[in-house]
Amino acid sequence: MSKIVVVDDSNAEVQLIEGYLRGAGHTVVSYPNAEKLEDRLVIDHPELIILDVVMPGRNGFQTCRDLKNDDRFKNIPVVLCTSKGGDSDKFWGQQQGANGYVVKPFKAEELLAAVKKALG
């Protein structure tokens, strides 16, 4: 299947997301924050990135925008996975270039559907 990078500062959330993705046959690499993410992506070459929004340092909205403005990464789909579930949050995520948006807490089917849609 696909190689997916998960960026979330909550170890419990990472374990949950990894479990769902691995159960669906994906390879998963995870990071606790978005610091130096671009350097990591050059090495990892993922087909998809799942980003938490609320993280210390650079948040998921900023990170998504940075990735979509970088020619090296702009074509990698990004799914935001966050507790920020308001309409304005979803709109802002879309404005940053996100290819999907999943609100925590979520069911496995919701996450996997967003991943499948983002991967095309």
Protein backbone atom coordinates (compact mmCIF):
# COMPACT_ATOMS: atom_id res chain seq x y z
CA MET A 1 0.00 0.00 0.00
CA SER A 2 1.23 3.52 0.76
CA LYS A 3 3.91 4.99 2.97
CA ILE A 4 2.33 7.54 5.32
CA VAL A 5 4.01 10.02 7.66
CA VAL A 6 2.02 10.87 10.82
CA VAL A 7 2.91 14.03 12.77
CA ASP A 8 1.20 14.32 16.16
CA ASP A 9 2.51 15.28 19.60
CA SER A 10 0.17 12.83 21.36
CA ASN A 11 1.71 9.38 21.61
CA ALA A 12 -1.72 7.84 22.23
CA GLU A 13 -3.10 9.43 19.03
CA VAL A 14 -0.06 8.28 17.05
CA GLN A 15 -0.52 4.71 18.27
CA LEU A 16 -4.22 4.78 17.37
CA ILE A 17 -3.61 6.22 13.89
CA GLU A 18 -0.69 3.86 13.25
CA GLY A 19 -2.84 0.88 14.25
CA TYR A 20 -5.62 1.83 11.85
CA LEU A 21 -3.23 2.54 8.98
CA ARG A 22 -1.10 -0.57 9.47
CA GLY A 23 -4.26 -2.63 9.76
CA ALA A 24 -5.20 -1.35 6.30
CA GLY A 25 -1.79 -2.38 4.93
CA HIS A 26 0.04 0.97 4.98
CA THR A 27 3.60 1.60 6.12
CA VAL A 28 3.76 4.31 8.79
CA VAL A 29 6.52 6.62 10.00
CA SER A 30 5.63 8.99 12.85
CA TYR A 31 7.09 12.13 14.36
CA PRO A 32 6.11 13.98 17.58
CA ASN A 33 6.34 17.46 16.01
CA ALA A 34 6.77 19.30 12.72
CA GLU A 35 10.23 20.67 13.47
CA LYS A 36 12.62 19.79 10.63
CA LEU A 37 9.80 17.84 8.96
CA GLU A 38 10.99 18.82 5.49
CA ASP A 39 14.40 17.25 6.18
CA ARG A 40 12.67 14.06 7.29
CA LEU A 41 10.40 13.97 4.25
CA VAL A 42 13.40 14.08 1.90
CA ILE A 43 14.51 10.80 3.51
CA ASP A 44 11.08 9.18 3.99
CA HIS A 45 9.43 9.95 0.59
CA PRO A 46 5.85 9.41 1.82
CA GLU A 47 2.78 9.18 -0.42
CA LEU A 48 0.67 10.96 2.24
CA ILE A 49 1.12 13.09 5.37
CA ILE A 50 -1.29 13.14 8.31
CA LEU A 51 -0.84 16.26 10.44
CA ASP A 52 -2.21 17.20 13.82
CA VAL A 53 -3.07 20.91 13.99
CA VAL A 54 -2.46 21.71 17.66
CA MET A 55 1.24 21.02 18.27
CA PRO A 56 4.03 22.89 20.03
CA GLY A 57 6.22 24.97 17.74
CA ARG A 58 4.92 24.98 14.20
CA ASN A 59 1.25 23.97 14.11
CA GLY A 60 -0.42 21.81 11.46
CA PHE A 61 -1.93 24.74 9.54
CA GLN A 62 1.49 26.41 9.23
CA THR A 63 3.17 23.14 8.33
CA CYS A 64 0.59 22.31 5.66
CA ARG A 65 0.97 25.77 4.11
CA ASP A 66 4.78 25.45 4.15
CA LEU A 67 4.64 22.03 2.49
CA LYS A 68 2.20 23.16 -0.20
CA ASN A 69 4.46 26.15 -0.99
CA ASP A 70 7.53 23.92 -1.35
CA ASP A 71 8.04 22.46 -4.84
CA ARG A 72 9.55 19.30 -3.32
CA PHE A 73 6.43 18.45 -1.34
CA LYS A 74 3.48 20.33 -2.85
CA ASN A 75 2.12 17.21 -4.57
CA ILE A 76 2.09 15.06 -1.43
CA PRO A 77 -1.49 14.95 -0.11
CA VAL A 78 -1.97 16.24 3.45
CA VAL A 79 -4.80 15.16 5.74
CA LEU A 80 -5.27 17.29 8.85
CA CYS A 81 -6.33 15.21 11.86
CA THR A 82 -7.33 17.42 14.77
CA SER A 83 -9.72 18.19 17.60
CA LYS A 84 -10.43 21.57 15.95
CA GLY A 85 -13.73 20.66 14.34
CA GLY A 86 -15.38 24.01 13.67
CA ASP A 87 -16.44 25.04 10.18
CA SER A 88 -13.93 27.92 10.27
CA ASP A 89 -11.14 25.45 11.17
CA LYS A 90 -12.06 23.16 8.27
CA PHE A 91 -12.22 26.15 5.92
CA TRP A 92 -8.84 27.41 7.14
CA GLY A 93 -7.34 23.94 6.64
CA GLN A 94 -8.63 23.90 3.08
CA GLN A 95 -7.15 27.37 2.53
CA GLN A 96 -3.74 26.02 3.64
CA GLY A 97 -3.93 23.33 0.95
CA ALA A 98 -5.09 20.33 2.98
CA ASN A 99 -6.48 17.45 0.94
CA GLY A 100 -8.57 16.12 3.80
CA TYR A 101 -9.76 16.90 7.32
CA VAL A 102 -10.57 14.41 10.08
CA VAL A 103 -11.94 15.56 13.45
CA LYS A 104 -10.83 13.81 16.67
CA PRO A 105 -12.21 11.65 18.08
CA PHE A 106 -12.75 9.69 14.89
CA LYS A 107 -13.61 6.15 13.86
CA ALA A 108 -11.24 4.00 11.84
CA GLU A 109 -13.58 4.21 8.84
CA GLU A 110 -13.45 8.03 8.86
CA LEU A 111 -9.66 8.15 8.90
CA LEU A 112 -9.27 5.44 6.26
CA ALA A 113 -11.88 7.08 4.01
CA ALA A 114 -10.01 10.41 4.19
CA VAL A 115 -6.72 8.65 3.45
CA LYS A 116 -8.21 6.79 0.48
CA LYS A 117 -9.78 9.96 -0.93
CA ALA A 118 -6.55 11.97 -0.51
CA LEU A 119 -4.49 9.27 -2.20
CA GLY A 120 -6.94 9.26 -5.11
